[in-house]
Amino acid sequence: MALTVELAKRFGVAVGAHPGLPDLRGFGRGEMRLKPEETRNDIMYQIGALQAFASASRLRLQHIKPHGALYNMATRDARLSETMLDAVRCVEPELIIFAPPRSTIAKVASKMGFRVAMEAFADRAYNADGTLVSRDKPKAVIKNPKLVVKRVVKMVKEGTVLAINGGNVDLGQVHTICVHSDTPNAPELAKALKSKLLVAKIDVKPVGSFL
């Protein structure tokens, strides 16, 4: 965490927390049912850990994005979203919330007064209903840099993405793009995205600078 924060500071990258469920074996991608106070405490604990390292480097956190199963559950569960966002508000109410367009968590966050950055996924296939294709299905993870760039430019400029069934999914305005760090060629994808987005006259900068 210390090294990551220092690198972010050196290269002008905004820092955000990525708290998830205590599913160590499944890397936080397995759904778990926790008591509200357990969820609240876990979120506060994880934000606080990163907040300490950021403070040591004279940085402030910009945003929070739930990880894995917690993210997916919050997209459809208002009560979970409220619990999680209440924890965020207790720790740092100015944090920007990353959420999928039109999701439950996006609506709850906006209602609670948070700034919300609508997020799209560069390296994941979409279902026709706007959800992500399960990782255990073929072609769920997209690794081709040219295809990733083409999809992201379309997401940003047109507010749509091509679903796995060939139809278009309406995303609306997109503020931030996710590239998963465990996608095998994630560094290559990130480099290609930044260079080609700039060529397409799309600014690449921290969301806190415009939200």
N, C-alpha and C. Protein backbone atom coordinates (compact mmCIF):
# COMPACT_ATOMS: atom_id res chain seq x y z
N MET A 1 0.83 -1.20 0.00
CA MET A 1 0.00 0.00 0.00
C MET A 1 0.86 1.25 0.00
N ALA A 2 1.92 1.21 0.80
CA ALA A 2 2.82 2.36 0.86
C ALA A 2 3.46 2.63 -0.50
N LEU A 3 3.93 1.58 -1.16
CA LEU A 3 4.57 1.73 -2.46
C LEU A 3 3.57 2.24 -3.50
N THR A 4 2.37 1.69 -3.49
CA THR A 4 1.35 2.10 -4.45
C THR A 4 1.00 3.57 -4.30
N VAL A 5 0.85 4.01 -3.05
CA VAL A 5 0.53 5.41 -2.80
C VAL A 5 1.66 6.32 -3.24
N GLU A 6 2.89 5.91 -2.97
CA GLU A 6 4.04 6.72 -3.38
C GLU A 6 4.13 6.82 -4.90
N LEU A 7 3.87 5.71 -5.59
CA LEU A 7 3.90 5.74 -7.07
C LEU A 7 2.78 6.63 -7.61
N ALA A 8 1.61 6.55 -6.98
CA ALA A 8 0.50 7.40 -7.41
C ALA A 8 0.85 8.87 -7.25
N LYS A 9 1.50 9.19 -6.13
CA LYS A 9 1.91 10.58 -5.89
C LYS A 9 2.93 11.04 -6.93
N ARG A 10 3.87 10.17 -7.25
CA ARG A 10 4.94 10.53 -8.19
C ARG A 10 4.37 10.82 -9.59
N PHE A 11 3.36 10.05 -9.98
CA PHE A 11 2.84 10.17 -11.34
C PHE A 11 1.51 10.92 -11.43
N GLY A 12 1.11 11.55 -10.34
CA GLY A 12 -0.09 12.38 -10.36
C GLY A 12 -1.39 11.61 -10.52
N VAL A 13 -1.43 10.40 -9.98
CA VAL A 13 -2.62 9.55 -10.06
C VAL A 13 -3.42 9.67 -8.76
N ALA A 14 -4.71 9.92 -8.88
CA ALA A 14 -5.56 10.02 -7.70
C ALA A 14 -5.72 8.66 -7.04
N VAL A 15 -5.86 8.66 -5.72
CA VAL A 15 -5.92 7.42 -4.94
C VAL A 15 -7.33 7.20 -4.41
N GLY A 16 -7.80 5.97 -4.51
CA GLY A 16 -9.12 5.64 -3.96
C GLY A 16 -9.11 4.29 -3.29
N ALA A 17 -10.02 4.10 -2.35
CA ALA A 17 -10.11 2.83 -1.63
C ALA A 17 -10.98 1.84 -2.40
N HIS A 18 -10.69 0.57 -2.22
CA HIS A 18 -11.37 -0.50 -2.97
C HIS A 18 -11.76 -1.62 -2.00
N PRO A 19 -12.61 -1.32 -1.04
CA PRO A 19 -12.94 -2.30 0.00
C PRO A 19 -13.83 -3.42 -0.50
N GLY A 20 -13.61 -4.61 0.03
CA GLY A 20 -14.42 -5.75 -0.38
C GLY A 20 -14.82 -6.61 0.80
N LEU A 21 -15.47 -7.71 0.49
CA LEU A 21 -15.90 -8.67 1.51
C LEU A 21 -14.70 -9.49 2.00
N PRO A 22 -14.78 -10.03 3.22
CA PRO A 22 -13.66 -10.83 3.76
C PRO A 22 -13.60 -12.24 3.17
N ASP A 23 -13.57 -12.31 1.86
CA ASP A 23 -13.52 -13.58 1.13
C ASP A 23 -12.11 -13.74 0.58
N LEU A 24 -11.18 -14.14 1.44
CA LEU A 24 -9.77 -14.20 1.04
C LEU A 24 -9.52 -15.27 -0.01
N ARG A 25 -10.13 -16.42 0.14
CA ARG A 25 -9.91 -17.51 -0.80
C ARG A 25 -10.41 -17.15 -2.20
N GLY A 26 -11.52 -16.45 -2.26
CA GLY A 26 -12.12 -16.10 -3.55
C GLY A 26 -11.78 -14.70 -4.03
N PHE A 27 -10.80 -14.04 -3.40
CA PHE A 27 -10.38 -12.69 -3.79
C PHE A 27 -11.54 -11.70 -3.75
N GLY A 28 -12.46 -11.90 -2.80
CA GLY A 28 -13.56 -10.96 -2.62
C GLY A 28 -14.63 -11.06 -3.69
N ARG A 29 -14.58 -12.11 -4.50
CA ARG A 29 -15.55 -12.24 -5.60
C ARG A 29 -16.69 -13.20 -5.28
N GLY A 30 -16.68 -13.75 -4.08
CA GLY A 30 -17.77 -14.62 -3.66
C GLY A 30 -18.73 -13.86 -2.75
N GLU A 31 -20.02 -13.99 -3.01
CA GLU A 31 -21.01 -13.26 -2.21
C GLU A 31 -21.07 -13.82 -0.78
N MET A 32 -21.17 -12.91 0.18
CA MET A 32 -21.28 -13.27 1.59
C MET A 32 -22.37 -12.39 2.21
N ARG A 33 -23.11 -12.97 3.13
CA ARG A 33 -24.15 -12.22 3.83
C ARG A 33 -23.64 -11.86 5.22
N LEU A 34 -23.33 -10.59 5.41
CA LEU A 34 -22.84 -10.10 6.69
C LEU A 34 -23.92 -9.28 7.39
N LYS A 35 -23.80 -9.18 8.69
CA LYS A 35 -24.68 -8.28 9.43
C LYS A 35 -24.34 -6.84 9.04
N PRO A 36 -25.30 -5.93 9.09
CA PRO A 36 -25.02 -4.54 8.71
C PRO A 36 -23.84 -3.94 9.47
N GLU A 37 -23.74 -4.23 10.76
CA GLU A 37 -22.63 -3.66 11.54
C GLU A 37 -21.29 -4.24 11.11
N GLU A 38 -21.29 -5.51 10.66
CA GLU A 38 -20.06 -6.11 10.15
C GLU A 38 -19.63 -5.45 8.85
N THR A 39 -20.57 -5.24 7.96
CA THR A 39 -20.27 -4.55 6.70
C THR A 39 -19.74 -3.15 6.97
N ARG A 40 -20.43 -2.45 7.85
CA ARG A 40 -20.05 -1.06 8.17
C ARG A 40 -18.63 -1.01 8.73
N ASN A 41 -18.33 -1.89 9.66
CA ASN A 41 -17.01 -1.89 10.29
C ASN A 41 -15.91 -2.29 9.31
N ASP A 42 -16.21 -3.28 8.45
CA ASP A 42 -15.23 -3.70 7.45
C ASP A 42 -14.89 -2.56 6.48
N ILE A 43 -15.91 -1.84 6.05
CA ILE A 43 -15.70 -0.73 5.12
C ILE A 43 -14.86 0.37 5.79
N MET A 44 -15.21 0.74 7.00
CA MET A 44 -14.47 1.78 7.71
C MET A 44 -13.02 1.37 7.93
N TYR A 45 -12.81 0.10 8.29
CA TYR A 45 -11.47 -0.41 8.55
C TYR A 45 -10.60 -0.34 7.31
N GLN A 46 -11.15 -0.76 6.17
CA GLN A 46 -10.36 -0.79 4.94
C GLN A 46 -10.07 0.61 4.40
N ILE A 47 -11.06 1.49 4.46
CA ILE A 47 -10.81 2.87 4.04
C ILE A 47 -9.75 3.50 4.93
N GLY A 48 -9.88 3.27 6.23
CA GLY A 48 -8.96 3.86 7.19
C GLY A 48 -7.52 3.44 6.97
N ALA A 49 -7.31 2.18 6.59
CA ALA A 49 -5.96 1.69 6.36
C ALA A 49 -5.29 2.46 5.22
N LEU A 50 -6.00 2.59 4.10
CA LEU A 50 -5.43 3.33 2.98
C LEU A 50 -5.32 4.82 3.29
N GLN A 51 -6.27 5.32 4.02
CA GLN A 51 -6.26 6.73 4.38
C GLN A 51 -5.00 7.08 5.17
N ALA A 52 -4.56 6.16 6.01
CA ALA A 52 -3.35 6.39 6.81
C ALA A 52 -2.11 6.50 5.92
N PHE A 53 -2.00 5.60 4.96
CA PHE A 53 -0.84 5.65 4.05
C PHE A 53 -0.89 6.90 3.17
N ALA A 54 -2.09 7.26 2.73
CA ALA A 54 -2.22 8.47 1.92
C ALA A 54 -1.81 9.70 2.73
N SER A 55 -2.26 9.76 3.97
CA SER A 55 -1.93 10.89 4.84
C SER A 55 -0.42 10.99 5.06
N ALA A 56 0.24 9.84 5.21
CA ALA A 56 1.70 9.83 5.40
C ALA A 56 2.42 10.40 4.18
N SER A 57 1.81 10.28 3.01
CA SER A 57 2.40 10.81 1.78
C SER A 57 1.83 12.18 1.41
N ARG A 58 1.10 12.78 2.34
CA ARG A 58 0.49 14.10 2.15
C ARG A 58 -0.51 14.09 0.99
N LEU A 59 -1.27 13.01 0.91
CA LEU A 59 -2.33 12.90 -0.09
C LEU A 59 -3.67 12.69 0.59
N ARG A 60 -4.75 12.99 -0.13
CA ARG A 60 -6.09 12.68 0.35
C ARG A 60 -6.73 11.69 -0.62
N LEU A 61 -7.56 10.83 -0.09
CA LEU A 61 -8.28 9.90 -0.95
C LEU A 61 -9.27 10.67 -1.81
N GLN A 62 -9.44 10.23 -3.04
CA GLN A 62 -10.38 10.88 -3.96
C GLN A 62 -11.72 10.16 -4.01
N HIS A 63 -11.68 8.81 -3.99
CA HIS A 63 -12.90 8.06 -4.26
C HIS A 63 -12.93 6.74 -3.51
N ILE A 64 -14.07 6.08 -3.62
CA ILE A 64 -14.20 4.72 -3.13
C ILE A 64 -14.95 3.91 -4.17
N LYS A 65 -14.48 2.69 -4.39
CA LYS A 65 -15.17 1.76 -5.29
C LYS A 65 -15.23 0.40 -4.60
N PRO A 66 -16.42 -0.09 -4.30
CA PRO A 66 -16.51 -1.44 -3.72
C PRO A 66 -15.90 -2.46 -4.67
N HIS A 67 -15.36 -3.52 -4.10
CA HIS A 67 -14.66 -4.54 -4.89
C HIS A 67 -15.51 -5.79 -5.08
N GLY A 68 -15.42 -6.37 -6.25
CA GLY A 68 -15.92 -7.71 -6.50
C GLY A 68 -17.39 -7.91 -6.17
N ALA A 69 -17.63 -8.91 -5.32
CA ALA A 69 -19.01 -9.27 -4.97
C ALA A 69 -19.73 -8.14 -4.25
N LEU A 70 -19.01 -7.39 -3.43
CA LEU A 70 -19.63 -6.27 -2.72
C LEU A 70 -20.16 -5.24 -3.72
N TYR A 71 -19.40 -4.98 -4.75
CA TYR A 71 -19.81 -4.06 -5.82
C TYR A 71 -21.07 -4.58 -6.51
N ASN A 72 -21.02 -5.86 -6.90
CA ASN A 72 -22.16 -6.44 -7.61
C ASN A 72 -23.42 -6.47 -6.76
N MET A 73 -23.27 -6.80 -5.49
CA MET A 73 -24.42 -6.85 -4.59
C MET A 73 -25.02 -5.47 -4.39
N ALA A 74 -24.16 -4.46 -4.28
CA ALA A 74 -24.64 -3.10 -4.04
C ALA A 74 -25.34 -2.51 -5.26
N THR A 75 -25.07 -3.06 -6.44
CA THR A 75 -25.74 -2.55 -7.64
C THR A 75 -27.24 -2.83 -7.62
N ARG A 76 -27.67 -3.79 -6.78
CA ARG A 76 -29.09 -4.16 -6.75
C ARG A 76 -29.71 -4.14 -5.35
N ASP A 77 -28.90 -3.89 -4.32
CA ASP A 77 -29.38 -3.98 -2.94
C ASP A 77 -29.30 -2.60 -2.27
N ALA A 78 -30.45 -1.96 -2.10
CA ALA A 78 -30.48 -0.60 -1.54
C ALA A 78 -30.03 -0.59 -0.08
N ARG A 79 -30.43 -1.59 0.67
CA ARG A 79 -30.07 -1.62 2.10
C ARG A 79 -28.56 -1.78 2.28
N LEU A 80 -27.96 -2.66 1.51
CA LEU A 80 -26.51 -2.82 1.57
C LEU A 80 -25.82 -1.54 1.15
N SER A 81 -26.31 -0.90 0.09
CA SER A 81 -25.73 0.36 -0.38
C SER A 81 -25.78 1.42 0.71
N GLU A 82 -26.90 1.53 1.37
CA GLU A 82 -27.06 2.52 2.44
C GLU A 82 -26.09 2.25 3.58
N THR A 83 -25.94 0.98 3.96
CA THR A 83 -25.01 0.61 5.03
C THR A 83 -23.59 0.98 4.67
N MET A 84 -23.20 0.63 3.46
CA MET A 84 -21.84 0.90 3.00
C MET A 84 -21.57 2.40 2.90
N LEU A 85 -22.51 3.12 2.35
CA LEU A 85 -22.32 4.56 2.17
C LEU A 85 -22.38 5.31 3.48
N ASP A 86 -23.12 4.78 4.44
CA ASP A 86 -23.12 5.38 5.77
C ASP A 86 -21.73 5.27 6.39
N ALA A 87 -21.08 4.13 6.17
CA ALA A 87 -19.72 3.95 6.66
C ALA A 87 -18.77 4.94 6.00
N VAL A 88 -18.92 5.12 4.69
CA VAL A 88 -18.08 6.08 3.97
C VAL A 88 -18.31 7.49 4.52
N ARG A 89 -19.55 7.85 4.74
CA ARG A 89 -19.88 9.19 5.24
C ARG A 89 -19.27 9.44 6.62
N CYS A 90 -19.20 8.40 7.43
CA CYS A 90 -18.60 8.55 8.76
C CYS A 90 -17.09 8.80 8.69
N VAL A 91 -16.45 8.20 7.69
CA VAL A 91 -14.99 8.32 7.57
C VAL A 91 -14.59 9.55 6.76
N GLU A 92 -15.18 9.70 5.58
CA GLU A 92 -14.81 10.81 4.68
C GLU A 92 -15.96 11.09 3.73
N PRO A 93 -16.84 12.01 4.10
CA PRO A 93 -18.05 12.26 3.29
C PRO A 93 -17.79 12.90 1.94
N GLU A 94 -16.57 13.38 1.69
CA GLU A 94 -16.27 14.02 0.42
C GLU A 94 -15.81 13.04 -0.66
N LEU A 95 -15.69 11.77 -0.31
CA LEU A 95 -15.23 10.80 -1.29
C LEU A 95 -16.24 10.65 -2.43
N ILE A 96 -15.73 10.51 -3.65
CA ILE A 96 -16.56 10.25 -4.82
C ILE A 96 -16.87 8.75 -4.86
N ILE A 97 -18.09 8.40 -5.18
CA ILE A 97 -18.49 7.00 -5.26
C ILE A 97 -18.46 6.52 -6.71
N PHE A 98 -17.71 5.45 -6.98
CA PHE A 98 -17.70 4.84 -8.30
C PHE A 98 -18.83 3.81 -8.36
N ALA A 99 -19.66 3.88 -9.40
CA ALA A 99 -20.81 2.97 -9.49
C ALA A 99 -21.22 2.80 -10.95
N PRO A 100 -21.87 1.67 -11.27
CA PRO A 100 -22.38 1.49 -12.64
C PRO A 100 -23.54 2.44 -12.91
N PRO A 101 -23.67 2.90 -14.14
CA PRO A 101 -24.80 3.77 -14.49
C PRO A 101 -26.14 3.12 -14.17
N ARG A 102 -27.04 3.91 -13.61
CA ARG A 102 -28.43 3.49 -13.32
C ARG A 102 -28.53 2.37 -12.28
N SER A 103 -27.46 2.09 -11.57
CA SER A 103 -27.48 1.04 -10.56
C SER A 103 -28.12 1.54 -9.27
N THR A 104 -28.48 0.61 -8.41
CA THR A 104 -29.07 0.98 -7.11
C THR A 104 -28.10 1.81 -6.29
N ILE A 105 -26.84 1.40 -6.25
CA ILE A 105 -25.87 2.14 -5.44
C ILE A 105 -25.67 3.56 -5.98
N ALA A 106 -25.71 3.74 -7.30
CA ALA A 106 -25.58 5.08 -7.87
C ALA A 106 -26.74 5.96 -7.43
N LYS A 107 -27.94 5.41 -7.45
CA LYS A 107 -29.13 6.16 -7.05
C LYS A 107 -29.10 6.50 -5.56
N VAL A 108 -28.73 5.52 -4.73
CA VAL A 108 -28.68 5.74 -3.28
C VAL A 108 -27.61 6.77 -2.94
N ALA A 109 -26.44 6.67 -3.57
CA ALA A 109 -25.34 7.60 -3.30
C ALA A 109 -25.74 9.03 -3.66
N SER A 110 -26.37 9.18 -4.82
CA SER A 110 -26.82 10.51 -5.23
C SER A 110 -27.85 11.08 -4.25
N LYS A 111 -28.76 10.23 -3.81
CA LYS A 111 -29.79 10.66 -2.86
C LYS A 111 -29.18 11.07 -1.52
N MET A 112 -28.07 10.42 -1.14
CA MET A 112 -27.40 10.72 0.13
C MET A 112 -26.46 11.92 0.01
N GLY A 113 -26.35 12.50 -1.19
CA GLY A 113 -25.54 13.70 -1.36
C GLY A 113 -24.11 13.49 -1.80
N PHE A 114 -23.74 12.27 -2.16
CA PHE A 114 -22.40 12.00 -2.65
C PHE A 114 -22.27 12.39 -4.12
N ARG A 115 -21.06 12.74 -4.53
CA ARG A 115 -20.75 12.83 -5.95
C ARG A 115 -20.57 11.40 -6.47
N VAL A 116 -21.11 11.13 -7.65
CA VAL A 116 -21.07 9.78 -8.20
C VAL A 116 -20.38 9.79 -9.55
N ALA A 117 -19.37 8.96 -9.71
CA ALA A 117 -18.69 8.78 -11.00
C ALA A 117 -19.22 7.51 -11.64
N MET A 118 -19.85 7.64 -12.80
CA MET A 118 -20.39 6.49 -13.50
C MET A 118 -19.25 5.71 -14.16
N GLU A 119 -19.22 4.42 -13.88
CA GLU A 119 -18.08 3.59 -14.28
C GLU A 119 -18.46 2.58 -15.36
N ALA A 120 -17.55 2.38 -16.30
CA ALA A 120 -17.70 1.33 -17.31
C ALA A 120 -16.44 0.48 -17.29
N PHE A 121 -16.53 -0.71 -17.87
CA PHE A 121 -15.45 -1.69 -17.78
C PHE A 121 -14.82 -1.94 -19.15
N ALA A 122 -13.52 -1.69 -19.21
CA ALA A 122 -12.81 -1.82 -20.48
C ALA A 122 -12.58 -3.26 -20.88
N ASP A 123 -12.30 -4.11 -19.89
CA ASP A 123 -11.82 -5.47 -20.17
C ASP A 123 -12.84 -6.56 -19.86
N ARG A 124 -14.12 -6.18 -19.74
CA ARG A 124 -15.16 -7.16 -19.42
C ARG A 124 -16.31 -7.06 -20.42
N ALA A 125 -16.84 -8.22 -20.79
CA ALA A 125 -17.98 -8.28 -21.70
C ALA A 125 -19.26 -7.97 -20.94
N TYR A 126 -20.22 -7.36 -21.65
CA TYR A 126 -21.50 -6.98 -21.06
C TYR A 126 -22.63 -7.89 -21.55
N ASN A 127 -23.56 -8.17 -20.64
CA ASN A 127 -24.82 -8.80 -21.03
C ASN A 127 -25.76 -7.74 -21.59
N ALA A 128 -26.85 -8.18 -22.19
CA ALA A 128 -27.80 -7.25 -22.80
C ALA A 128 -28.46 -6.34 -21.77
N ASP A 129 -28.52 -6.78 -20.50
CA ASP A 129 -29.16 -5.96 -19.45
C ASP A 129 -28.20 -5.00 -18.77
N GLY A 130 -26.96 -4.93 -19.26
CA GLY A 130 -25.98 -4.01 -18.70
C GLY A 130 -25.12 -4.59 -17.59
N THR A 131 -25.39 -5.82 -17.18
CA THR A 131 -24.54 -6.49 -16.20
C THR A 131 -23.33 -7.09 -16.91
N LEU A 132 -22.32 -7.46 -16.13
CA LEU A 132 -21.12 -8.06 -16.71
C LEU A 132 -21.30 -9.56 -16.90
N VAL A 133 -20.74 -10.07 -17.99
CA VAL A 133 -20.77 -11.51 -18.24
C VAL A 133 -19.92 -12.20 -17.18
N SER A 134 -20.43 -13.26 -16.60
CA SER A 134 -19.73 -13.98 -15.55
C SER A 134 -18.35 -14.44 -16.03
N ARG A 135 -17.38 -14.34 -15.15
CA ARG A 135 -16.00 -14.69 -15.50
C ARG A 135 -15.84 -16.16 -15.89
N ASP A 136 -16.77 -17.02 -15.47
CA ASP A 136 -16.62 -18.44 -15.81
C ASP A 136 -17.17 -18.78 -17.19
N LYS A 137 -17.60 -17.74 -17.94
CA LYS A 137 -18.12 -17.97 -19.28
C LYS A 137 -17.09 -17.52 -20.33
N PRO A 138 -17.12 -18.15 -21.51
CA PRO A 138 -16.17 -17.78 -22.57
C PRO A 138 -16.31 -16.31 -22.97
N LYS A 139 -15.18 -15.70 -23.28
CA LYS A 139 -15.12 -14.33 -23.78
C LYS A 139 -15.59 -13.28 -22.76
N ALA A 140 -15.62 -13.65 -21.48
CA ALA A 140 -16.03 -12.70 -20.44
C ALA A 140 -14.97 -11.63 -20.22
N VAL A 141 -13.70 -12.02 -20.35
CA VAL A 141 -12.58 -11.09 -20.16
C VAL A 141 -12.00 -10.75 -21.54
N ILE A 142 -11.87 -9.45 -21.80
CA ILE A 142 -11.39 -8.98 -23.10
C ILE A 142 -9.94 -8.53 -22.98
N LYS A 143 -9.06 -9.14 -23.77
CA LYS A 143 -7.63 -8.89 -23.64
C LYS A 143 -7.02 -8.19 -24.85
N ASN A 144 -7.76 -8.11 -25.94
CA ASN A 144 -7.22 -7.52 -27.17
C ASN A 144 -7.18 -5.99 -27.04
N PRO A 145 -5.98 -5.39 -27.05
CA PRO A 145 -5.88 -3.94 -26.85
C PRO A 145 -6.68 -3.11 -27.85
N LYS A 146 -6.66 -3.51 -29.13
CA LYS A 146 -7.39 -2.75 -30.15
C LYS A 146 -8.89 -2.79 -29.89
N LEU A 147 -9.39 -3.96 -29.49
CA LEU A 147 -10.83 -4.09 -29.20
C LEU A 147 -11.20 -3.31 -27.95
N VAL A 148 -10.34 -3.36 -26.94
CA VAL A 148 -10.59 -2.62 -25.70
C VAL A 148 -10.66 -1.12 -25.98
N VAL A 149 -9.72 -0.61 -26.75
CA VAL A 149 -9.71 0.82 -27.10
C VAL A 149 -10.97 1.19 -27.86
N LYS A 150 -11.33 0.39 -28.85
CA LYS A 150 -12.52 0.67 -29.66
C LYS A 150 -13.77 0.72 -28.79
N ARG A 151 -13.89 -0.21 -27.86
CA ARG A 151 -15.06 -0.26 -26.98
C ARG A 151 -15.11 0.96 -26.06
N VAL A 152 -13.96 1.32 -25.51
CA VAL A 152 -13.93 2.43 -24.55
C VAL A 152 -14.23 3.76 -25.23
N VAL A 153 -13.69 3.98 -26.41
CA VAL A 153 -13.99 5.22 -27.14
C VAL A 153 -15.49 5.32 -27.40
N LYS A 154 -16.11 4.21 -27.76
CA LYS A 154 -17.55 4.18 -27.98
C LYS A 154 -18.31 4.46 -26.68
N MET A 155 -17.84 3.88 -25.59
CA MET A 155 -18.46 4.11 -24.28
C MET A 155 -18.47 5.60 -23.93
N VAL A 156 -17.31 6.22 -24.09
CA VAL A 156 -17.16 7.62 -23.68
C VAL A 156 -17.87 8.57 -24.62
N LYS A 157 -17.70 8.36 -25.92
CA LYS A 157 -18.26 9.31 -26.89
C LYS A 157 -19.74 9.10 -27.17
N GLU A 158 -20.19 7.85 -27.14
CA GLU A 158 -21.58 7.56 -27.49
C GLU A 158 -22.42 7.11 -26.30
N GLY A 159 -21.78 6.76 -25.20
CA GLY A 159 -22.51 6.29 -24.03
C GLY A 159 -23.13 4.92 -24.21
N THR A 160 -22.56 4.11 -25.10
CA THR A 160 -23.06 2.76 -25.33
C THR A 160 -21.91 1.77 -25.40
N VAL A 161 -22.25 0.48 -25.24
CA VAL A 161 -21.26 -0.59 -25.38
C VAL A 161 -21.94 -1.76 -26.07
N LEU A 162 -21.17 -2.48 -26.87
CA LEU A 162 -21.70 -3.63 -27.58
C LEU A 162 -21.80 -4.81 -26.62
N ALA A 163 -23.00 -5.36 -26.46
CA ALA A 163 -23.21 -6.50 -25.57
C ALA A 163 -22.77 -7.79 -26.25
N ILE A 164 -22.67 -8.85 -25.47
CA ILE A 164 -22.18 -10.12 -25.99
C ILE A 164 -23.14 -10.73 -27.01
N ASN A 165 -24.41 -10.30 -26.98
CA ASN A 165 -25.40 -10.81 -27.94
C ASN A 165 -25.45 -9.97 -29.22
N GLY A 166 -24.59 -8.95 -29.30
CA GLY A 166 -24.53 -8.12 -30.50
C GLY A 166 -25.32 -6.85 -30.45
N GLY A 167 -26.15 -6.66 -29.43
CA GLY A 167 -26.93 -5.44 -29.30
C GLY A 167 -26.17 -4.37 -28.53
N ASN A 168 -26.70 -3.15 -28.54
CA ASN A 168 -26.08 -2.04 -27.82
C ASN A 168 -26.70 -1.88 -26.44
N VAL A 169 -25.86 -1.64 -25.44
CA VAL A 169 -26.30 -1.35 -24.09
C VAL A 169 -26.14 0.15 -23.85
N ASP A 170 -27.18 0.81 -23.41
CA ASP A 170 -27.13 2.24 -23.13
C ASP A 170 -26.52 2.48 -21.75
N LEU A 171 -25.36 3.11 -21.71
CA LEU A 171 -24.68 3.40 -20.45
C LEU A 171 -24.92 4.83 -19.97
N GLY A 172 -25.26 5.73 -20.89
CA GLY A 172 -25.33 7.13 -20.53
C GLY A 172 -23.93 7.71 -20.41
N GLN A 173 -23.80 8.76 -19.63
CA GLN A 173 -22.49 9.40 -19.48
C GLN A 173 -21.56 8.55 -18.63
N VAL A 174 -20.35 8.36 -19.11
CA VAL A 174 -19.34 7.57 -18.41
C VAL A 174 -18.22 8.49 -17.95
N HIS A 175 -17.86 8.41 -16.66
CA HIS A 175 -16.82 9.28 -16.09
C HIS A 175 -15.49 8.57 -15.86
N THR A 176 -15.54 7.25 -15.64
CA THR A 176 -14.32 6.53 -15.29
C THR A 176 -14.35 5.13 -15.89
N ILE A 177 -13.18 4.63 -16.25
CA ILE A 177 -13.05 3.33 -16.92
C ILE A 177 -12.22 2.40 -16.04
N CYS A 178 -12.70 1.18 -15.85
CA CYS A 178 -11.99 0.19 -15.05
C CYS A 178 -11.21 -0.77 -15.93
N VAL A 179 -9.94 -0.98 -15.58
CA VAL A 179 -9.14 -2.08 -16.12
C VAL A 179 -8.71 -2.92 -14.92
N HIS A 180 -9.09 -4.18 -14.90
CA HIS A 180 -8.77 -5.04 -13.75
C HIS A 180 -7.29 -5.38 -13.71
N SER A 181 -6.69 -5.27 -12.54
CA SER A 181 -5.25 -5.51 -12.42
C SER A 181 -4.89 -6.97 -12.66
N ASP A 182 -5.86 -7.90 -12.51
CA ASP A 182 -5.54 -9.31 -12.73
C ASP A 182 -5.90 -9.78 -14.14
N THR A 183 -6.32 -8.87 -15.00
CA THR A 183 -6.36 -9.21 -16.42
C THR A 183 -4.91 -9.38 -16.88
N PRO A 184 -4.57 -10.50 -17.50
CA PRO A 184 -3.15 -10.83 -17.73
C PRO A 184 -2.31 -9.72 -18.33
N ASN A 185 -2.85 -8.96 -19.29
CA ASN A 185 -2.07 -7.91 -19.94
C ASN A 185 -2.57 -6.52 -19.54
N ALA A 186 -2.95 -6.37 -18.29
CA ALA A 186 -3.52 -5.10 -17.81
C ALA A 186 -2.61 -3.89 -18.08
N PRO A 187 -1.30 -3.96 -17.82
CA PRO A 187 -0.45 -2.79 -18.10
C PRO A 187 -0.49 -2.39 -19.58
N GLU A 188 -0.47 -3.39 -20.46
CA GLU A 188 -0.53 -3.11 -21.90
C GLU A 188 -1.86 -2.44 -22.26
N LEU A 189 -2.95 -2.91 -21.68
CA LEU A 189 -4.26 -2.33 -21.94
C LEU A 189 -4.33 -0.88 -21.46
N ALA A 190 -3.79 -0.64 -20.27
CA ALA A 190 -3.83 0.71 -19.71
C ALA A 190 -3.03 1.69 -20.57
N LYS A 191 -1.85 1.26 -21.02
CA LYS A 191 -1.02 2.12 -21.87
C LYS A 191 -1.72 2.42 -23.19
N ALA A 192 -2.28 1.38 -23.79
CA ALA A 192 -2.97 1.57 -25.08
C ALA A 192 -4.16 2.49 -24.92
N LEU A 193 -4.91 2.31 -23.83
CA LEU A 193 -6.08 3.15 -23.59
C LEU A 193 -5.69 4.61 -23.45
N LYS A 194 -4.69 4.89 -22.62
CA LYS A 194 -4.33 6.29 -22.40
C LYS A 194 -3.88 6.96 -23.70
N SER A 195 -3.02 6.30 -24.45
CA SER A 195 -2.50 6.93 -25.67
C SER A 195 -3.60 7.13 -26.70
N LYS A 196 -4.47 6.15 -26.88
CA LYS A 196 -5.50 6.24 -27.91
C LYS A 196 -6.65 7.16 -27.49
N LEU A 197 -6.94 7.23 -26.20
CA LEU A 197 -7.97 8.16 -25.75
C LEU A 197 -7.53 9.60 -25.99
N LEU A 198 -6.26 9.88 -25.76
CA LEU A 198 -5.75 11.22 -26.01
C LEU A 198 -5.80 11.54 -27.50
N VAL A 199 -5.50 10.56 -28.34
CA VAL A 199 -5.60 10.75 -29.79
C VAL A 199 -7.04 11.06 -30.18
N ALA A 200 -7.98 10.43 -29.49
CA ALA A 200 -9.41 10.64 -29.77
C ALA A 200 -9.93 11.91 -29.10
N LYS A 201 -9.03 12.70 -28.53
CA LYS A 201 -9.36 13.96 -27.88
C LYS A 201 -10.29 13.77 -26.67
N ILE A 202 -10.00 12.70 -25.93
CA ILE A 202 -10.70 12.41 -24.67
C ILE A 202 -9.71 12.63 -23.54
N ASP A 203 -10.02 13.54 -22.63
CA ASP A 203 -9.13 13.84 -21.52
C ASP A 203 -9.00 12.65 -20.58
N VAL A 204 -7.79 12.42 -20.09
CA VAL A 204 -7.54 11.40 -19.08
C VAL A 204 -7.01 12.12 -17.83
N LYS A 205 -7.88 12.25 -16.83
CA LYS A 205 -7.50 12.98 -15.63
C LYS A 205 -8.36 12.50 -14.46
N PRO A 206 -7.95 12.81 -13.23
CA PRO A 206 -8.72 12.37 -12.06
C PRO A 206 -10.15 12.91 -12.09
N VAL A 207 -11.11 12.05 -11.73
CA VAL A 207 -12.51 12.48 -11.76
C VAL A 207 -12.78 13.64 -10.80
N GLY A 208 -11.97 13.73 -9.76
CA GLY A 208 -12.15 14.81 -8.80
C GLY A 208 -11.92 16.19 -9.40
N SER A 209 -11.28 16.23 -10.56
CA SER A 209 -11.01 17.50 -11.21
C SER A 209 -12.19 18.03 -12.00
N PHE A 210 -13.20 17.18 -12.22
CA PHE A 210 -14.35 17.65 -13.01
C PHE A 210 -15.70 17.25 -12.42
N LEU A 211 -15.73 16.47 -11.34
CA LEU A 211 -17.01 16.15 -10.71
C LEU A 211 -17.21 16.99 -9.44
